[in-house]
Amino acid sequence: MADSDYLFLSRKGQKPISRVQAWKIINDAARINDTIGTHTLRRISFYQMTKDAAMLQKIFGFL
């Protein structure tokens, strides 16, 4: 898969799904409303790549 390829294609053609549609899918999958979203996934992804919780806390203003 190339960096320019879309991970999730829309049913309407060769376009990506929208940010809003991604949020709806994530919330439906998690079955939690207003608690998990795309921003949460960014945090999880950052932590999985770096294993640096302190840096993550600095970035988000918790330290």
PDB file of N, CA and C in Angstrom:
ATOM      1  N   MET A   1       0.844  -1.177   0.000  1.00  0.00           N
ATOM      2  CA  MET A   1       0.000   0.000   0.000  1.00  0.00           C
ATOM      3  C   MET A   1       0.891   1.242   0.000  1.00  0.00           C
ATOM      4  N   ALA A   2       0.628   2.153  -0.883  1.00  0.00           N
ATOM      5  CA  ALA A   2       1.414   3.379  -0.976  1.00  0.00           C
ATOM      6  C   ALA A   2       0.931   4.393   0.062  1.00  0.00           C
ATOM      7  N   ASP A   3       1.805   5.328   0.426  1.00  0.00           N
ATOM      8  CA  ASP A   3       1.431   6.379   1.377  1.00  0.00           C
ATOM      9  C   ASP A   3       0.253   7.210   0.873  1.00  0.00           C
ATOM     10  N   SER A   4       0.102   7.302  -0.424  1.00  0.00           N
ATOM     11  CA  SER A   4      -0.967   8.112  -1.006  1.00  0.00           C
ATOM     12  C   SER A   4      -2.290   7.358  -1.117  1.00  0.00           C
ATOM     13  N   ASP A   5      -2.295   6.040  -0.843  1.00  0.00           N
ATOM     14  CA  ASP A   5      -3.525   5.245  -0.904  1.00  0.00           C
ATOM     15  C   ASP A   5      -4.400   5.544   0.309  1.00  0.00           C
ATOM     16  N   TYR A   6      -5.704   5.531   0.093  1.00  0.00           N
ATOM     17  CA  TYR A   6      -6.641   5.735   1.187  1.00  0.00           C
ATOM     18  C   TYR A   6      -6.865   4.414   1.910  1.00  0.00           C
ATOM     19  N   LEU A   7      -6.948   4.468   3.215  1.00  0.00           N
ATOM     20  CA  LEU A   7      -7.174   3.272   4.009  1.00  0.00           C
ATOM     21  C   LEU A   7      -8.626   2.821   3.920  1.00  0.00           C
ATOM     22  N   PHE A   8      -9.554   3.781   3.941  1.00  0.00           N
ATOM     23  CA  PHE A   8     -10.977   3.475   3.869  1.00  0.00           C
ATOM     24  C   PHE A   8     -11.603   4.254   2.726  1.00  0.00           C
ATOM     25  N   LEU A   9     -12.101   3.539   1.731  1.00  0.00           N
ATOM     26  CA  LEU A   9     -12.738   4.190   0.588  1.00  0.00           C
ATOM     27  C   LEU A   9     -14.232   4.352   0.832  1.00  0.00           C
ATOM     28  N   SER A  10     -14.763   5.423   0.297  1.00  0.00           N
ATOM     29  CA  SER A  10     -16.186   5.686   0.366  1.00  0.00           C
ATOM     30  C   SER A  10     -16.924   4.712  -0.542  1.00  0.00           C
ATOM     31  N   ARG A  11     -18.169   4.451  -0.239  1.00  0.00           N
ATOM     32  CA  ARG A  11     -18.989   3.613  -1.118  1.00  0.00           C
ATOM     33  C   ARG A  11     -19.368   4.358  -2.386  1.00  0.00           C
ATOM     34  N   LYS A  12     -19.128   5.669  -2.393  1.00  0.00           N
ATOM     35  CA  LYS A  12     -19.535   6.517  -3.517  1.00  0.00           C
ATOM     36  C   LYS A  12     -18.489   6.578  -4.623  1.00  0.00           C
ATOM     37  N   GLY A  13     -17.410   5.866  -4.492  1.00  0.00           N
ATOM     38  CA  GLY A  13     -16.387   5.903  -5.529  1.00  0.00           C
ATOM     39  C   GLY A  13     -14.999   5.793  -4.947  1.00  0.00           C
ATOM     40  N   GLN A  14     -14.039   6.302  -5.659  1.00  0.00           N
ATOM     41  CA  GLN A  14     -12.639   6.199  -5.248  1.00  0.00           C
ATOM     42  C   GLN A  14     -12.199   7.378  -4.384  1.00  0.00           C
ATOM     43  N   LYS A  15     -13.056   7.809  -3.485  1.00  0.00           N
ATOM     44  CA  LYS A  15     -12.741   8.888  -2.560  1.00  0.00           C
ATOM     45  C   LYS A  15     -12.640   8.304  -1.157  1.00  0.00           C
ATOM     46  N   PRO A  16     -11.918   8.989  -0.262  1.00  0.00           N
ATOM     47  CA  PRO A  16     -11.860   8.502   1.120  1.00  0.00           C
ATOM     48  C   PRO A  16     -13.164   8.812   1.849  1.00  0.00           C
ATOM     49  N   ILE A  17     -13.408   8.074   2.946  1.00  0.00           N
ATOM     50  CA  ILE A  17     -14.555   8.426   3.777  1.00  0.00           C
ATOM     51  C   ILE A  17     -14.246   9.749   4.464  1.00  0.00           C
ATOM     52  N   SER A  18     -15.282  10.432   4.890  1.00  0.00           N
ATOM     53  CA  SER A  18     -15.089  11.724   5.539  1.00  0.00           C
ATOM     54  C   SER A  18     -14.650  11.539   6.986  1.00  0.00           C
ATOM     55  N   ARG A  19     -14.148  12.604   7.582  1.00  0.00           N
ATOM     56  CA  ARG A  19     -13.753  12.589   8.986  1.00  0.00           C
ATOM     57  C   ARG A  19     -14.952  12.264   9.862  1.00  0.00           C
ATOM     58  N   VAL A  20     -16.101  12.818   9.510  1.00  0.00           N
ATOM     59  CA  VAL A  20     -17.321  12.583  10.281  1.00  0.00           C
ATOM     60  C   VAL A  20     -17.737  11.115  10.181  1.00  0.00           C
ATOM     61  N   GLN A  21     -17.657  10.550   8.990  1.00  0.00           N
ATOM     62  CA  GLN A  21     -18.016   9.141   8.813  1.00  0.00           C
ATOM     63  C   GLN A  21     -17.065   8.244   9.596  1.00  0.00           C
ATOM     64  N   ALA A  22     -15.779   8.572   9.612  1.00  0.00           N
ATOM     65  CA  ALA A  22     -14.810   7.791  10.396  1.00  0.00           C
ATOM     66  C   ALA A  22     -15.168   7.844  11.877  1.00  0.00           C
ATOM     67  N   TRP A  23     -15.546   9.032  12.367  1.00  0.00           N
ATOM     68  CA  TRP A  23     -15.932   9.186  13.771  1.00  0.00           C
ATOM     69  C   TRP A  23     -17.152   8.326  14.091  1.00  0.00           C
ATOM     70  N   LYS A  24     -18.149   8.327  13.200  1.00  0.00           N
ATOM     71  CA  LYS A  24     -19.358   7.526  13.421  1.00  0.00           C
ATOM     72  C   LYS A  24     -19.026   6.037  13.485  1.00  0.00           C
ATOM     73  N   ILE A  25     -18.180   5.581  12.588  1.00  0.00           N
ATOM     74  CA  ILE A  25     -17.795   4.168  12.560  1.00  0.00           C
ATOM     75  C   ILE A  25     -17.070   3.783  13.838  1.00  0.00           C
ATOM     76  N   ILE A  26     -16.145   4.630  14.271  1.00  0.00           N
ATOM     77  CA  ILE A  26     -15.383   4.344  15.494  1.00  0.00           C
ATOM     78  C   ILE A  26     -16.311   4.306  16.703  1.00  0.00           C
ATOM     79  N   ASN A  27     -17.203   5.259  16.811  1.00  0.00           N
ATOM     80  CA  ASN A  27     -18.134   5.273  17.943  1.00  0.00           C
ATOM     81  C   ASN A  27     -19.064   4.073  17.934  1.00  0.00           C
ATOM     82  N   ASP A  28     -19.546   3.683  16.758  1.00  0.00           N
ATOM     83  CA  ASP A  28     -20.404   2.506  16.673  1.00  0.00           C
ATOM     84  C   ASP A  28     -19.638   1.244  17.073  1.00  0.00           C
ATOM     85  N   ALA A  29     -18.412   1.149  16.625  1.00  0.00           N
ATOM     86  CA  ALA A  29     -17.602  -0.028  16.945  1.00  0.00           C
ATOM     87  C   ALA A  29     -17.282  -0.098  18.428  1.00  0.00           C
ATOM     88  N   ALA A  30     -17.011   1.029  19.035  1.00  0.00           N
ATOM     89  CA  ALA A  30     -16.669   1.062  20.454  1.00  0.00           C
ATOM     90  C   ALA A  30     -17.915   1.002  21.336  1.00  0.00           C
ATOM     91  N   ARG A  31     -19.053   1.329  20.755  1.00  0.00           N
ATOM     92  CA  ARG A  31     -20.321   1.381  21.494  1.00  0.00           C
ATOM     93  C   ARG A  31     -20.241   2.333  22.692  1.00  0.00           C
ATOM     94  N   ILE A  32     -19.456   3.386  22.524  1.00  0.00           N
ATOM     95  CA  ILE A  32     -19.306   4.413  23.550  1.00  0.00           C
ATOM     96  C   ILE A  32     -19.543   5.750  22.875  1.00  0.00           C
ATOM     97  N   ASN A  33     -20.474   6.515  23.367  1.00  0.00           N
ATOM     98  CA  ASN A  33     -20.760   7.816  22.758  1.00  0.00           C
ATOM     99  C   ASN A  33     -19.911   8.912  23.368  1.00  0.00           C
ATOM    100  N   ASP A  34     -19.366   9.762  22.534  1.00  0.00           N
ATOM    101  CA  ASP A  34     -18.613  10.955  22.937  1.00  0.00           C
ATOM    102  C   ASP A  34     -17.390  10.662  23.804  1.00  0.00           C
ATOM    103  N   THR A  35     -16.918   9.436  23.834  1.00  0.00           N
ATOM    104  CA  THR A  35     -15.779   9.110  24.670  1.00  0.00           C
ATOM    105  C   THR A  35     -14.559   8.722  23.843  1.00  0.00           C
ATOM    106  N   ILE A  36     -14.781   8.110  22.706  1.00  0.00           N
ATOM    107  CA  ILE A  36     -13.680   7.691  21.861  1.00  0.00           C
ATOM    108  C   ILE A  36     -13.879   8.302  20.485  1.00  0.00           C
ATOM    109  N   GLY A  37     -12.808   8.775  19.913  1.00  0.00           N
ATOM    110  CA  GLY A  37     -12.888   9.387  18.592  1.00  0.00           C
ATOM    111  C   GLY A  37     -11.553   9.299  17.884  1.00  0.00           C
ATOM    112  N   THR A  38     -11.464   9.985  16.779  1.00  0.00           N
ATOM    113  CA  THR A  38     -10.239   9.924  15.992  1.00  0.00           C
ATOM    114  C   THR A  38      -9.057  10.511  16.753  1.00  0.00           C
ATOM    115  N   HIS A  39      -9.298  11.526  17.591  1.00  0.00           N
ATOM    116  CA  HIS A  39      -8.211  12.115  18.358  1.00  0.00           C
ATOM    117  C   HIS A  39      -7.672  11.107  19.375  1.00  0.00           C
ATOM    118  N   THR A  40      -8.559  10.332  19.958  1.00  0.00           N
ATOM    119  CA  THR A  40      -8.151   9.280  20.885  1.00  0.00           C
ATOM    120  C   THR A  40      -7.247   8.280  20.177  1.00  0.00           C
ATOM    121  N   LEU A  41      -7.600   7.932  18.946  1.00  0.00           N
ATOM    122  CA  LEU A  41      -6.788   6.987  18.186  1.00  0.00           C
ATOM    123  C   LEU A  41      -5.404   7.556  17.888  1.00  0.00           C
ATOM    124  N   ARG A  42      -5.322   8.867  17.655  1.00  0.00           N
ATOM    125  CA  ARG A  42      -4.013   9.488  17.438  1.00  0.00           C
ATOM    126  C   ARG A  42      -3.141   9.340  18.674  1.00  0.00           C
ATOM    127  N   ARG A  43      -3.730   9.556  19.838  1.00  0.00           N
ATOM    128  CA  ARG A  43      -2.967   9.407  21.086  1.00  0.00           C
ATOM    129  C   ARG A  43      -2.477   7.975  21.262  1.00  0.00           C
ATOM    130  N   ILE A  44      -3.359   7.028  21.031  1.00  0.00           N
ATOM    131  CA  ILE A  44      -2.992   5.615  21.163  1.00  0.00           C
ATOM    132  C   ILE A  44      -1.889   5.265  20.176  1.00  0.00           C
ATOM    133  N   SER A  45      -2.031   5.714  18.952  1.00  0.00           N
ATOM    134  CA  SER A  45      -1.021   5.434  17.924  1.00  0.00           C
ATOM    135  C   SER A  45       0.327   6.029  18.306  1.00  0.00           C
ATOM    136  N   PHE A  46       0.331   7.280  18.794  1.00  0.00           N
ATOM    137  CA  PHE A  46       1.576   7.925  19.207  1.00  0.00           C
ATOM    138  C   PHE A  46       2.241   7.121  20.318  1.00  0.00           C
ATOM    139  N   TYR A  47       1.447   6.711  21.299  1.00  0.00           N
ATOM    140  CA  TYR A  47       2.007   5.946  22.421  1.00  0.00           C
ATOM    141  C   TYR A  47       2.561   4.606  21.945  1.00  0.00           C
ATOM    142  N   GLN A  48       1.858   3.921  21.063  1.00  0.00           N
ATOM    143  CA  GLN A  48       2.329   2.632  20.561  1.00  0.00           C
ATOM    144  C   GLN A  48       3.639   2.774  19.799  1.00  0.00           C
ATOM    145  N   MET A  49       3.809   3.895  19.096  1.00  0.00           N
ATOM    146  CA  MET A  49       5.037   4.108  18.329  1.00  0.00           C
ATOM    147  C   MET A  49       6.204   4.500  19.233  1.00  0.00           C
ATOM    148  N   THR A  50       5.956   5.325  20.253  1.00  0.00           N
ATOM    149  CA  THR A  50       7.055   5.879  21.042  1.00  0.00           C
ATOM    150  C   THR A  50       7.213   5.264  22.430  1.00  0.00           C
ATOM    151  N   LYS A  51       6.131   4.739  22.987  1.00  0.00           N
ATOM    152  CA  LYS A  51       6.113   4.217  24.370  1.00  0.00           C
ATOM    153  C   LYS A  51       6.534   5.295  25.368  1.00  0.00           C
ATOM    154  N   ASP A  52       6.267   6.551  25.040  1.00  0.00           N
ATOM    155  CA  ASP A  52       6.680   7.677  25.864  1.00  0.00           C
ATOM    156  C   ASP A  52       5.449   8.411  26.403  1.00  0.00           C
ATOM    157  N   ALA A  53       4.948   7.950  27.540  1.00  0.00           N
ATOM    158  CA  ALA A  53       3.743   8.541  28.130  1.00  0.00           C
ATOM    159  C   ALA A  53       4.001   9.978  28.591  1.00  0.00           C
ATOM    160  N   ALA A  54       5.204  10.260  29.088  1.00  0.00           N
ATOM    161  CA  ALA A  54       5.519  11.604  29.572  1.00  0.00           C
ATOM    162  C   ALA A  54       5.467  12.620  28.425  1.00  0.00           C
ATOM    163  N   MET A  55       5.990  12.261  27.269  1.00  0.00           N
ATOM    164  CA  MET A  55       5.948  13.165  26.112  1.00  0.00           C
ATOM    165  C   MET A  55       4.506  13.388  25.680  1.00  0.00           C
ATOM    166  N   LEU A  56       3.709  12.361  25.694  1.00  0.00           N
ATOM    167  CA  LEU A  56       2.303  12.483  25.338  1.00  0.00           C
ATOM    168  C   LEU A  56       1.580  13.429  26.305  1.00  0.00           C
ATOM    169  N   GLN A  57       1.894  13.326  27.587  1.00  0.00           N
ATOM    170  CA  GLN A  57       1.285  14.207  28.565  1.00  0.00           C
ATOM    171  C   GLN A  57       1.715  15.656  28.342  1.00  0.00           C
ATOM    172  N   LYS A  58       2.985  15.880  27.983  1.00  0.00           N
ATOM    173  CA  LYS A  58       3.455  17.230  27.676  1.00  0.00           C
ATOM    174  C   LYS A  58       2.727  17.806  26.478  1.00  0.00           C
ATOM    175  N   ILE A  59       2.603  17.020  25.427  1.00  0.00           N
ATOM    176  CA  ILE A  59       1.950  17.479  24.193  1.00  0.00           C
ATOM    177  C   ILE A  59       0.530  17.928  24.487  1.00  0.00           C
ATOM    178  N   PHE A  60      -0.177  17.182  25.302  1.00  0.00           N
ATOM    179  CA  PHE A  60      -1.581  17.491  25.560  1.00  0.00           C
ATOM    180  C   PHE A  60      -1.788  18.345  26.807  1.00  0.00           C
ATOM    181  N   GLY A  61      -0.705  18.864  27.373  1.00  0.00           N
ATOM    182  CA  GLY A  61      -0.806  19.825  28.451  1.00  0.00           C
ATOM    183  C   GLY A  61      -1.157  19.241  29.807  1.00  0.00           C
ATOM    184  N   PHE A  62      -0.868  17.973  30.024  1.00  0.00           N
ATOM    185  CA  PHE A  62      -1.154  17.356  31.310  1.00  0.00           C
ATOM    186  C   PHE A  62       0.008  17.464  32.277  1.00  0.00           C
ATOM    187  N   LEU A  63       1.151  17.946  31.816  1.00  0.00           N
ATOM    188  CA  LEU A  63       2.331  18.119  32.697  1.00  0.00           C
ATOM    189  C   LEU A  63       2.717  19.576  32.754  1.00  0.00           C
TER     190      LEU A  63
END
